[in-house]
């Protein structure tokens, strides 16, 4: 089975609660920089497929629903 570059990438989901940084590129860039630093590659995201998720459901350490979209 052949692998593609996309299949070899590690998918990283990034939660972006409503209003947190939407429509503010400086905040998006800052968040991206911090996430890439945490992944061990502060200057680039080569090998990572960063996926931004708006209004996620948030589960705390105990496994309880701690927040999510208002509906």
PDB file of N, CA and C in Angstrom:
ATOM      1  N   UNK A   1       0.839  -1.183   0.000  1.00  0.00           N
ATOM      2  CA  UNK A   1       0.000   0.000   0.000  1.00  0.00           C
ATOM      3  C   UNK A   1       0.882   1.244   0.000  1.00  0.00           C
ATOM      4  N   UNK A   2       0.670   2.108  -0.947  1.00  0.00           N
ATOM      5  CA  UNK A   2       1.461   3.327  -1.061  1.00  0.00           C
ATOM      6  C   UNK A   2       0.969   4.362  -0.054  1.00  0.00           C
ATOM      7  N   UNK A   3       1.882   5.104   0.500  1.00  0.00           N
ATOM      8  CA  UNK A   3       1.500   6.178   1.401  1.00  0.00           C
ATOM      9  C   UNK A   3       1.730   7.503   0.696  1.00  0.00           C
ATOM     10  N   UNK A   4       0.886   8.447   0.985  1.00  0.00           N
ATOM     11  CA  UNK A   4       1.038   9.784   0.413  1.00  0.00           C
ATOM     12  C   UNK A   4       1.594  10.705   1.479  1.00  0.00           C
ATOM     13  N   UNK A   5       2.032  11.872   1.066  1.00  0.00           N
ATOM     14  CA  UNK A   5       2.530  12.842   2.035  1.00  0.00           C
ATOM     15  C   UNK A   5       1.444  13.200   3.043  1.00  0.00           C
ATOM     16  N   UNK A   6       0.211  13.308   2.580  1.00  0.00           N
ATOM     17  CA  UNK A   6      -0.875  13.660   3.487  1.00  0.00           C
ATOM     18  C   UNK A   6      -1.116  12.573   4.515  1.00  0.00           C
ATOM     19  N   UNK A   7      -1.064  11.331   4.100  1.00  0.00           N
ATOM     20  CA  UNK A   7      -1.303  10.229   5.024  1.00  0.00           C
ATOM     21  C   UNK A   7      -0.209  10.141   6.071  1.00  0.00           C
ATOM     22  N   UNK A   8       0.995  10.579   5.732  1.00  0.00           N
ATOM     23  CA  UNK A   8       2.115  10.500   6.654  1.00  0.00           C
ATOM     24  C   UNK A   8       2.090  11.626   7.685  1.00  0.00           C
ATOM     25  N   UNK A   9       1.288  12.627   7.464  1.00  0.00           N
ATOM     26  CA  UNK A   9       1.245  13.767   8.383  1.00  0.00           C
ATOM     27  C   UNK A   9       0.482  13.423   9.654  1.00  0.00           C
ATOM     28  N   UNK A  10       0.863  14.071  10.712  1.00  0.00           N
ATOM     29  CA  UNK A  10       0.176  13.905  11.990  1.00  0.00           C
ATOM     30  C   UNK A  10      -0.903  14.985  12.092  1.00  0.00           C
ATOM     31  N   UNK A  11      -2.140  14.570  12.287  1.00  0.00           N
ATOM     32  CA  UNK A  11      -3.254  15.509  12.384  1.00  0.00           C
ATOM     33  C   UNK A  11      -3.314  16.074  13.801  1.00  0.00           C
ATOM     34  N   UNK A  12      -3.391  17.394  13.899  1.00  0.00           N
ATOM     35  CA  UNK A  12      -3.488  18.081  15.183  1.00  0.00           C
ATOM     36  C   UNK A  12      -4.748  18.939  15.140  1.00  0.00           C
ATOM     37  N   UNK A  13      -5.713  18.642  16.024  1.00  0.00           N
ATOM     38  CA  UNK A  13      -6.944  19.421  16.098  1.00  0.00           C
ATOM     39  C   UNK A  13      -6.765  20.542  17.115  1.00  0.00           C
ATOM     40  N   UNK A  14      -7.127  21.740  16.716  1.00  0.00           N
ATOM     41  CA  UNK A  14      -6.974  22.920  17.571  1.00  0.00           C
ATOM     42  C   UNK A  14      -8.358  23.507  17.811  1.00  0.00           C
ATOM     43  N   UNK A  15      -8.759  23.553  19.066  1.00  0.00           N
ATOM     44  CA  UNK A  15     -10.072  24.089  19.421  1.00  0.00           C
ATOM     45  C   UNK A  15     -10.028  25.607  19.425  1.00  0.00           C
ATOM     46  N   UNK A  16     -11.010  26.203  18.791  1.00  0.00           N
ATOM     47  CA  UNK A  16     -11.111  27.656  18.739  1.00  0.00           C
ATOM     48  C   UNK A  16     -12.516  28.057  19.163  1.00  0.00           C
ATOM     49  N   UNK A  17     -12.736  28.217  20.483  1.00  0.00           N
ATOM     50  CA  UNK A  17     -14.064  28.600  20.954  1.00  0.00           C
ATOM     51  C   UNK A  17     -14.487  29.932  20.347  1.00  0.00           C
ATOM     52  N   UNK A  18     -15.775  30.088  20.124  1.00  0.00           N
ATOM     53  CA  UNK A  18     -16.304  31.314  19.517  1.00  0.00           C
ATOM     54  C   UNK A  18     -15.777  32.573  20.179  1.00  0.00           C
ATOM     55  N   UNK A  19     -15.276  33.477  19.370  1.00  0.00           N
ATOM     56  CA  UNK A  19     -14.787  34.756  19.859  1.00  0.00           C
ATOM     57  C   UNK A  19     -13.369  34.746  20.384  1.00  0.00           C
ATOM     58  N   UNK A  20     -12.779  33.577  20.595  1.00  0.00           N
ATOM     59  CA  UNK A  20     -11.436  33.511  21.183  1.00  0.00           C
ATOM     60  C   UNK A  20     -10.404  34.235  20.326  1.00  0.00           C
ATOM     61  N   UNK A  21     -10.375  33.962  19.064  1.00  0.00           N
ATOM     62  CA  UNK A  21      -9.406  34.618  18.190  1.00  0.00           C
ATOM     63  C   UNK A  21      -9.967  34.798  16.787  1.00  0.00           C
ATOM     64  N   UNK A  22     -11.237  34.546  16.628  1.00  0.00           N
ATOM     65  CA  UNK A  22     -11.826  34.668  15.306  1.00  0.00           C
ATOM     66  C   UNK A  22     -11.688  36.098  14.792  1.00  0.00           C
ATOM     67  N   UNK A  23     -11.332  36.218  13.531  1.00  0.00           N
ATOM     68  CA  UNK A  23     -11.169  37.502  12.868  1.00  0.00           C
ATOM     69  C   UNK A  23     -10.008  38.329  13.422  1.00  0.00           C
ATOM     70  N   UNK A  24      -9.059  37.705  14.075  1.00  0.00           N
ATOM     71  CA  UNK A  24      -7.880  38.404  14.589  1.00  0.00           C
ATOM     72  C   UNK A  24      -6.642  37.592  14.230  1.00  0.00           C
ATOM     73  N   UNK A  25      -6.028  37.929  13.094  1.00  0.00           N
ATOM     74  CA  UNK A  25      -4.889  37.150  12.605  1.00  0.00           C
ATOM     75  C   UNK A  25      -3.712  37.136  13.568  1.00  0.00           C
ATOM     76  N   UNK A  26      -3.482  38.229  14.293  1.00  0.00           N
ATOM     77  CA  UNK A  26      -2.371  38.250  15.249  1.00  0.00           C
ATOM     78  C   UNK A  26      -2.556  37.175  16.317  1.00  0.00           C
ATOM     79  N   UNK A  27      -3.775  37.006  16.804  1.00  0.00           N
ATOM     80  CA  UNK A  27      -4.047  35.982  17.819  1.00  0.00           C
ATOM     81  C   UNK A  27      -3.922  34.583  17.221  1.00  0.00           C
ATOM     82  N   UNK A  28      -4.377  34.421  15.977  1.00  0.00           N
ATOM     83  CA  UNK A  28      -4.261  33.110  15.310  1.00  0.00           C
ATOM     84  C   UNK A  28      -2.787  32.753  15.131  1.00  0.00           C
ATOM     85  N   UNK A  29      -1.979  33.719  14.666  1.00  0.00           N
ATOM     86  CA  UNK A  29      -0.542  33.473  14.471  1.00  0.00           C
ATOM     87  C   UNK A  29       0.142  33.156  15.801  1.00  0.00           C
ATOM     88  N   UNK A  30      -0.225  33.886  16.844  1.00  0.00           N
ATOM     89  CA  UNK A  30       0.372  33.650  18.168  1.00  0.00           C
ATOM     90  C   UNK A  30       0.017  32.249  18.668  1.00  0.00           C
ATOM     91  N   UNK A  31      -1.249  31.866  18.531  1.00  0.00           N
ATOM     92  CA  UNK A  31      -1.676  30.533  18.948  1.00  0.00           C
ATOM     93  C   UNK A  31      -0.949  29.459  18.152  1.00  0.00           C
ATOM     94  N   UNK A  32      -0.823  29.661  16.843  1.00  0.00           N
ATOM     95  CA  UNK A  32      -0.126  28.700  15.987  1.00  0.00           C
ATOM     96  C   UNK A  32       1.329  28.556  16.422  1.00  0.00           C
ATOM     97  N   UNK A  33       1.980  29.669  16.699  1.00  0.00           N
ATOM     98  CA  UNK A  33       3.379  29.639  17.141  1.00  0.00           C
ATOM     99  C   UNK A  33       3.527  28.850  18.444  1.00  0.00           C
ATOM    100  N   UNK A  34       2.614  29.057  19.391  1.00  0.00           N
ATOM    101  CA  UNK A  34       2.683  28.354  20.668  1.00  0.00           C
ATOM    102  C   UNK A  34       2.430  26.855  20.486  1.00  0.00           C
ATOM    103  N   UNK A  35       1.494  26.508  19.637  1.00  0.00           N
ATOM    104  CA  UNK A  35       1.184  25.098  19.388  1.00  0.00           C
ATOM    105  C   UNK A  35       2.363  24.406  18.724  1.00  0.00           C
ATOM    106  N   UNK A  36       2.960  25.062  17.724  1.00  0.00           N
ATOM    107  CA  UNK A  36       4.115  24.466  17.044  1.00  0.00           C
ATOM    108  C   UNK A  36       5.289  24.308  18.001  1.00  0.00           C
ATOM    109  N   UNK A  37       5.470  25.249  18.916  1.00  0.00           N
ATOM    110  CA  UNK A  37       6.511  25.119  19.933  1.00  0.00           C
ATOM    111  C   UNK A  37       6.269  23.912  20.813  1.00  0.00           C
ATOM    112  N   UNK A  38       5.021  23.672  21.170  1.00  0.00           N
ATOM    113  CA  UNK A  38       4.658  22.523  21.996  1.00  0.00           C
ATOM    114  C   UNK A  38       4.889  21.217  21.244  1.00  0.00           C
ATOM    115  N   UNK A  39       4.729  21.268  19.901  1.00  0.00           N
ATOM    116  CA  UNK A  39       4.949  20.083  19.075  1.00  0.00           C
ATOM    117  C   UNK A  39       6.431  19.841  18.802  1.00  0.00           C
ATOM    118  N   UNK A  40       7.270  20.805  19.209  1.00  0.00           N
ATOM    119  CA  UNK A  40       8.709  20.629  19.062  1.00  0.00           C
ATOM    120  C   UNK A  40       9.298  21.216  17.794  1.00  0.00           C
ATOM    121  N   UNK A  41       8.516  22.013  17.089  1.00  0.00           N
ATOM    122  CA  UNK A  41       9.008  22.596  15.848  1.00  0.00           C
ATOM    123  C   UNK A  41       8.457  24.009  15.727  1.00  0.00           C
ATOM    124  N   UNK A  42       8.977  24.919  16.533  1.00  0.00           N
ATOM    125  CA  UNK A  42       8.451  26.272  16.612  1.00  0.00           C
ATOM    126  C   UNK A  42       8.422  27.065  15.326  1.00  0.00           C
ATOM    127  N   UNK A  43       9.293  26.750  14.380  1.00  0.00           N
ATOM    128  CA  UNK A  43       9.381  27.549  13.170  1.00  0.00           C
ATOM    129  C   UNK A  43       8.560  27.056  12.000  1.00  0.00           C
ATOM    130  N   UNK A  44       8.066  25.817  12.053  1.00  0.00           N
ATOM    131  CA  UNK A  44       7.321  25.300  10.898  1.00  0.00           C
ATOM    132  C   UNK A  44       6.343  24.220  11.337  1.00  0.00           C
ATOM    133  N   UNK A  45       5.421  23.890  10.448  1.00  0.00           N
ATOM    134  CA  UNK A  45       4.486  22.804  10.754  1.00  0.00           C
ATOM    135  C   UNK A  45       4.600  21.690   9.724  1.00  0.00           C
ATOM    136  N   UNK A  46       5.777  21.557   9.162  1.00  0.00           N
ATOM    137  CA  UNK A  46       6.034  20.472   8.224  1.00  0.00           C
ATOM    138  C   UNK A  46       5.810  19.144   8.941  1.00  0.00           C
ATOM    139  N   UNK A  47       5.006  18.290   8.349  1.00  0.00           N
ATOM    140  CA  UNK A  47       4.703  17.001   8.958  1.00  0.00           C
ATOM    141  C   UNK A  47       3.473  17.024   9.833  1.00  0.00           C
ATOM    142  N   UNK A  48       2.905  18.203  10.076  1.00  0.00           N
ATOM    143  CA  UNK A  48       1.700  18.323  10.887  1.00  0.00           C
ATOM    144  C   UNK A  48       0.570  18.899  10.045  1.00  0.00           C
ATOM    145  N   UNK A  49      -0.607  18.350  10.213  1.00  0.00           N
ATOM    146  CA  UNK A  49      -1.805  18.825   9.542  1.00  0.00           C
ATOM    147  C   UNK A  49      -2.644  19.524  10.599  1.00  0.00           C
ATOM    148  N   UNK A  50      -2.517  20.847  10.689  1.00  0.00           N
ATOM    149  CA  UNK A  50      -3.223  21.614  11.711  1.00  0.00           C
ATOM    150  C   UNK A  50      -4.658  21.857  11.264  1.00  0.00           C
ATOM    151  N   UNK A  51      -5.602  21.454  12.100  1.00  0.00           N
ATOM    152  CA  UNK A  51      -7.025  21.622  11.782  1.00  0.00           C
ATOM    153  C   UNK A  51      -7.719  22.404  12.882  1.00  0.00           C
ATOM    154  N   UNK A  52      -8.219  23.575  12.515  1.00  0.00           N
ATOM    155  CA  UNK A  52      -8.898  24.448  13.463  1.00  0.00           C
ATOM    156  C   UNK A  52     -10.364  24.046  13.552  1.00  0.00           C
ATOM    157  N   UNK A  53     -10.857  23.912  14.789  1.00  0.00           N
ATOM    158  CA  UNK A  53     -12.226  23.494  15.045  1.00  0.00           C
ATOM    159  C   UNK A  53     -12.920  24.603  15.821  1.00  0.00           C
ATOM    160  N   UNK A  54     -13.976  25.163  15.255  1.00  0.00           N
ATOM    161  CA  UNK A  54     -14.725  26.217  15.935  1.00  0.00           C
ATOM    162  C   UNK A  54     -15.769  25.655  16.876  1.00  0.00           C
ATOM    163  N   UNK A  55     -15.951  26.291  18.003  1.00  0.00           N
ATOM    164  CA  UNK A  55     -16.937  25.910  19.006  1.00  0.00           C
ATOM    165  C   UNK A  55     -16.948  24.415  19.314  1.00  0.00           C
ATOM    166  N   UNK A  56     -15.855  23.909  19.841  1.00  0.00           N
ATOM    167  CA  UNK A  56     -15.773  22.473  20.149  1.00  0.00           C
ATOM    168  C   UNK A  56     -16.486  22.134  21.456  1.00  0.00           C
ATOM    169  N   UNK A  57     -16.815  20.867  21.612  1.00  0.00           N
ATOM    170  CA  UNK A  57     -17.226  20.370  22.926  1.00  0.00           C
ATOM    171  C   UNK A  57     -15.939  20.138  23.699  1.00  0.00           C
ATOM    172  N   UNK A  58     -15.886  20.557  24.944  1.00  0.00           N
ATOM    173  CA  UNK A  58     -14.675  20.451  25.757  1.00  0.00           C
ATOM    174  C   UNK A  58     -14.925  19.485  26.911  1.00  0.00           C
ATOM    175  N   UNK A  59     -14.043  18.505  27.035  1.00  0.00           N
ATOM    176  CA  UNK A  59     -14.133  17.514  28.106  1.00  0.00           C
ATOM    177  C   UNK A  59     -12.984  17.760  29.081  1.00  0.00           C
ATOM    178  N   UNK A  60     -13.284  17.810  30.375  1.00  0.00           N
ATOM    179  CA  UNK A  60     -12.233  18.055  31.365  1.00  0.00           C
ATOM    180  C   UNK A  60     -11.487  16.773  31.721  1.00  0.00           C
ATOM    181  N   UNK A  61     -10.543  16.887  32.647  1.00  0.00           N
ATOM    182  CA  UNK A  61      -9.699  15.752  33.036  1.00  0.00           C
ATOM    183  C   UNK A  61     -10.499  14.591  33.633  1.00  0.00           C
ATOM    184  N   UNK A  62     -11.636  14.886  34.231  1.00  0.00           N
ATOM    185  CA  UNK A  62     -12.467  13.839  34.843  1.00  0.00           C
ATOM    186  C   UNK A  62     -13.351  13.130  33.813  1.00  0.00           C
ATOM    187  N   UNK A  63     -13.363  13.651  32.572  1.00  0.00           N
ATOM    188  CA  UNK A  63     -14.179  13.054  31.533  1.00  0.00           C
ATOM    189  C   UNK A  63     -15.577  13.648  31.441  1.00  0.00           C
ATOM    190  N   UNK A  64     -15.807  14.740  32.182  1.00  0.00           N
ATOM    191  CA  UNK A  64     -17.112  15.413  32.169  1.00  0.00           C
ATOM    192  C   UNK A  64     -17.131  16.530  31.130  1.00  0.00           C
ATOM    193  N   UNK A  65     -18.308  16.780  30.574  1.00  0.00           N
ATOM    194  CA  UNK A  65     -18.464  17.861  29.632  1.00  0.00           C
ATOM    195  C   UNK A  65     -18.278  19.194  30.369  1.00  0.00           C
ATOM    196  N   UNK A  66     -17.287  19.973  29.930  1.00  0.00           N
ATOM    197  CA  UNK A  66     -16.957  21.219  30.608  1.00  0.00           C
ATOM    198  C   UNK A  66     -17.412  22.440  29.811  1.00  0.00           C
ATOM    199  N   UNK A  67     -17.743  22.264  28.561  1.00  0.00           N
ATOM    200  CA  UNK A  67     -18.187  23.396  27.753  1.00  0.00           C
ATOM    201  C   UNK A  67     -18.463  22.942  26.340  1.00  0.00           C
ATOM    202  N   UNK A  68     -19.003  23.841  25.567  1.00  0.00           N
ATOM    203  CA  UNK A  68     -19.283  23.514  24.195  1.00  0.00           C
ATOM    204  C   UNK A  68     -20.143  24.561  23.538  1.00  0.00           C
ATOM    205  N   UNK A  69     -20.541  24.294  22.310  1.00  0.00           N
ATOM    206  CA  UNK A  69     -21.342  25.276  21.581  1.00  0.00           C
ATOM    207  C   UNK A  69     -22.681  25.506  22.252  1.00  0.00           C
ATOM    208  N   UNK A  70     -23.125  26.719  22.151  1.00  0.00           N
ATOM    209  CA  UNK A  70     -24.439  27.063  22.666  1.00  0.00           C
ATOM    210  C   UNK A  70     -25.461  26.747  21.599  1.00  0.00           C
ATOM    211  N   UNK A  71     -26.503  26.057  21.948  1.00  0.00           N
ATOM    212  CA  UNK A  71     -27.459  25.691  20.923  1.00  0.00           C
ATOM    213  C   UNK A  71     -28.848  25.711  21.305  1.00  0.00           C
TER     214      UNK A  71
END
